[in-house]
Amino acid sequence: MSVSAAGRVMTAANAEIATVFEKLPTYTVTFDANGGTGVQETAEAVQGDEFVLPLFEFDAPDHMKFR
């Protein structure tokens, strides 16, 4: 089997070509209340996939609001 400069595979006989997959990186997303109260669970994100923020679970400190 040989590969041409254009990337074409040439074989002299029947050949089996297998696809190789690699796992995409995943990331743990953590949240910081930054002075607020409450608990926000961590979330997982996969590189290249759409990530939707979970429902907001923090309460703002007195006389403040989150932006």
N, C-alpha and C. Protein backbone atom coordinates (compact mmCIF):
# COMPACT_ATOMS: atom_id res chain seq x y z
N MET A 1 0.85 -1.15 0.00
CA MET A 1 0.00 0.00 0.00
C MET A 1 0.91 1.23 0.00
N SER A 2 0.52 2.23 -0.79
CA SER A 2 1.28 3.48 -0.82
C SER A 2 0.30 4.65 -0.84
N VAL A 3 0.79 5.82 -0.43
CA VAL A 3 -0.03 7.03 -0.41
C VAL A 3 0.61 8.03 -1.35
N SER A 4 -0.18 8.54 -2.29
CA SER A 4 0.33 9.52 -3.25
C SER A 4 0.45 10.89 -2.59
N ALA A 5 1.09 11.83 -3.27
CA ALA A 5 1.24 13.19 -2.77
C ALA A 5 -0.12 13.86 -2.57
N ALA A 6 -1.11 13.44 -3.33
CA ALA A 6 -2.46 14.01 -3.22
C ALA A 6 -3.25 13.35 -2.09
N GLY A 7 -2.65 12.36 -1.40
CA GLY A 7 -3.33 11.71 -0.29
C GLY A 7 -4.15 10.50 -0.68
N ARG A 8 -4.01 10.05 -1.92
CA ARG A 8 -4.75 8.88 -2.37
C ARG A 8 -4.01 7.61 -1.94
N VAL A 9 -4.77 6.62 -1.50
CA VAL A 9 -4.18 5.35 -1.07
C VAL A 9 -4.25 4.37 -2.24
N MET A 10 -3.12 3.77 -2.56
CA MET A 10 -3.04 2.81 -3.65
C MET A 10 -2.67 1.45 -3.06
N THR A 11 -3.43 0.41 -3.43
CA THR A 11 -3.11 -0.93 -2.95
C THR A 11 -2.96 -1.87 -4.13
N ALA A 12 -2.17 -2.89 -3.93
CA ALA A 12 -1.98 -3.90 -4.97
C ALA A 12 -3.02 -5.01 -4.83
N ALA A 13 -3.69 -5.07 -3.69
CA ALA A 13 -4.69 -6.11 -3.44
C ALA A 13 -5.79 -5.49 -2.58
N ASN A 14 -6.77 -6.30 -2.24
CA ASN A 14 -7.85 -5.83 -1.36
C ASN A 14 -7.25 -5.37 -0.03
N ALA A 15 -7.80 -4.32 0.50
CA ALA A 15 -7.31 -3.80 1.78
C ALA A 15 -8.50 -3.38 2.62
N GLU A 16 -8.34 -3.49 3.91
CA GLU A 16 -9.36 -3.03 4.85
C GLU A 16 -8.83 -1.77 5.52
N ILE A 17 -9.61 -0.72 5.48
CA ILE A 17 -9.21 0.54 6.10
C ILE A 17 -10.16 0.81 7.25
N ALA A 18 -9.59 1.00 8.43
CA ALA A 18 -10.41 1.24 9.62
C ALA A 18 -10.33 2.71 10.01
N THR A 19 -11.45 3.23 10.44
CA THR A 19 -11.51 4.60 10.93
C THR A 19 -11.08 4.60 12.38
N VAL A 20 -10.28 5.59 12.74
CA VAL A 20 -9.81 5.72 14.11
C VAL A 20 -10.43 6.99 14.69
N PHE A 21 -11.11 6.85 15.82
CA PHE A 21 -11.72 7.98 16.48
C PHE A 21 -10.94 8.30 17.75
N GLU A 22 -10.89 9.57 18.09
CA GLU A 22 -10.28 9.94 19.37
C GLU A 22 -11.31 10.71 20.17
N LYS A 23 -11.26 10.53 21.46
CA LYS A 23 -12.23 11.18 22.34
C LYS A 23 -11.92 12.68 22.41
N LEU A 24 -12.97 13.51 22.27
CA LEU A 24 -12.81 14.95 22.39
C LEU A 24 -12.60 15.32 23.85
N PRO A 25 -11.82 16.37 24.10
CA PRO A 25 -11.61 16.79 25.48
C PRO A 25 -12.91 17.27 26.12
N THR A 26 -13.06 16.98 27.41
CA THR A 26 -14.20 17.50 28.17
C THR A 26 -13.67 18.46 29.22
N TYR A 27 -14.51 19.39 29.59
CA TYR A 27 -14.13 20.42 30.55
C TYR A 27 -15.18 20.48 31.66
N THR A 28 -14.72 20.69 32.88
CA THR A 28 -15.62 20.89 34.00
C THR A 28 -15.81 22.40 34.18
N VAL A 29 -17.07 22.83 34.14
CA VAL A 29 -17.40 24.24 34.30
C VAL A 29 -17.86 24.44 35.73
N THR A 30 -17.18 25.32 36.47
CA THR A 30 -17.56 25.62 37.84
C THR A 30 -18.05 27.06 37.92
N PHE A 31 -18.82 27.36 38.94
CA PHE A 31 -19.42 28.67 39.08
C PHE A 31 -19.04 29.26 40.44
N ASP A 32 -18.79 30.55 40.47
CA ASP A 32 -18.38 31.27 41.68
C ASP A 32 -19.45 32.30 42.00
N ALA A 33 -20.02 32.24 43.21
CA ALA A 33 -21.08 33.17 43.60
C ALA A 33 -20.56 34.59 43.78
N ASN A 34 -19.26 34.77 43.89
CA ASN A 34 -18.64 36.10 43.98
C ASN A 34 -19.32 36.98 45.03
N GLY A 35 -19.49 36.42 46.24
CA GLY A 35 -20.11 37.16 47.33
C GLY A 35 -21.57 36.83 47.53
N GLY A 36 -22.18 36.17 46.57
CA GLY A 36 -23.58 35.77 46.70
C GLY A 36 -23.69 34.49 47.50
N THR A 37 -24.91 33.99 47.62
CA THR A 37 -25.13 32.74 48.35
C THR A 37 -25.81 31.74 47.42
N GLY A 38 -25.77 30.50 47.83
CA GLY A 38 -26.39 29.44 47.05
C GLY A 38 -25.35 28.49 46.50
N VAL A 39 -25.83 27.44 45.90
CA VAL A 39 -24.95 26.41 45.34
C VAL A 39 -25.30 26.22 43.88
N GLN A 40 -24.31 26.23 43.03
CA GLN A 40 -24.49 25.97 41.60
C GLN A 40 -23.68 24.72 41.27
N GLU A 41 -24.35 23.69 40.84
CA GLU A 41 -23.67 22.44 40.49
C GLU A 41 -22.71 22.67 39.33
N THR A 42 -21.62 21.90 39.31
CA THR A 42 -20.70 21.97 38.19
C THR A 42 -21.38 21.38 36.95
N ALA A 43 -20.85 21.69 35.80
CA ALA A 43 -21.39 21.17 34.54
C ALA A 43 -20.23 20.66 33.69
N GLU A 44 -20.52 19.77 32.78
CA GLU A 44 -19.51 19.24 31.87
C GLU A 44 -19.75 19.77 30.47
N ALA A 45 -18.68 20.14 29.80
CA ALA A 45 -18.75 20.61 28.42
C ALA A 45 -17.77 19.79 27.58
N VAL A 46 -18.18 19.45 26.38
CA VAL A 46 -17.34 18.71 25.44
C VAL A 46 -16.90 19.67 24.34
N GLN A 47 -15.61 19.67 24.08
CA GLN A 47 -15.07 20.58 23.06
C GLN A 47 -15.82 20.40 21.75
N GLY A 48 -16.28 21.52 21.18
CA GLY A 48 -16.97 21.49 19.90
C GLY A 48 -18.47 21.30 20.00
N ASP A 49 -18.98 20.86 21.16
CA ASP A 49 -20.42 20.69 21.34
C ASP A 49 -21.03 21.98 21.88
N GLU A 50 -22.30 22.18 21.60
CA GLU A 50 -23.01 23.32 22.16
C GLU A 50 -23.10 23.15 23.66
N PHE A 51 -22.90 24.24 24.40
CA PHE A 51 -23.01 24.21 25.86
C PHE A 51 -24.06 25.22 26.27
N VAL A 52 -25.06 24.75 27.01
CA VAL A 52 -26.13 25.63 27.50
C VAL A 52 -25.91 25.80 28.99
N LEU A 53 -25.84 27.06 29.43
CA LEU A 53 -25.67 27.32 30.86
C LEU A 53 -26.86 26.77 31.64
N PRO A 54 -26.59 26.14 32.79
CA PRO A 54 -27.69 25.66 33.61
C PRO A 54 -28.45 26.82 34.26
N LEU A 55 -29.61 26.52 34.79
CA LEU A 55 -30.43 27.52 35.46
C LEU A 55 -29.63 28.20 36.57
N PHE A 56 -29.71 29.50 36.67
CA PHE A 56 -28.96 30.30 37.64
C PHE A 56 -29.47 29.99 39.05
N GLU A 57 -28.55 29.61 39.97
CA GLU A 57 -28.95 29.18 41.31
C GLU A 57 -28.46 30.09 42.43
N PHE A 58 -27.75 31.18 42.14
CA PHE A 58 -27.21 32.03 43.20
C PHE A 58 -28.17 33.16 43.57
N ASP A 59 -28.07 33.60 44.82
CA ASP A 59 -28.78 34.79 45.28
C ASP A 59 -27.75 35.89 45.47
N ALA A 60 -28.08 37.10 45.02
CA ALA A 60 -27.16 38.24 45.14
C ALA A 60 -27.04 38.68 46.59
N PRO A 61 -25.88 39.28 46.96
CA PRO A 61 -25.74 39.84 48.30
C PRO A 61 -26.76 40.98 48.50
N ASP A 62 -27.03 41.33 49.75
CA ASP A 62 -27.96 42.42 50.05
C ASP A 62 -27.56 43.70 49.30
N HIS A 63 -28.57 44.37 48.78
CA HIS A 63 -28.41 45.66 48.09
C HIS A 63 -27.58 45.57 46.82
N MET A 64 -27.53 44.38 46.24
CA MET A 64 -26.80 44.18 44.98
C MET A 64 -27.64 43.31 44.06
N LYS A 65 -27.30 43.33 42.79
CA LYS A 65 -27.93 42.43 41.83
C LYS A 65 -26.85 41.90 40.89
N PHE A 66 -27.11 40.71 40.33
CA PHE A 66 -26.18 40.14 39.38
C PHE A 66 -26.46 40.70 38.01
N ARG A 67 -25.41 40.89 37.23
CA ARG A 67 -25.57 41.35 35.86
C ARG A 67 -25.24 40.23 34.92
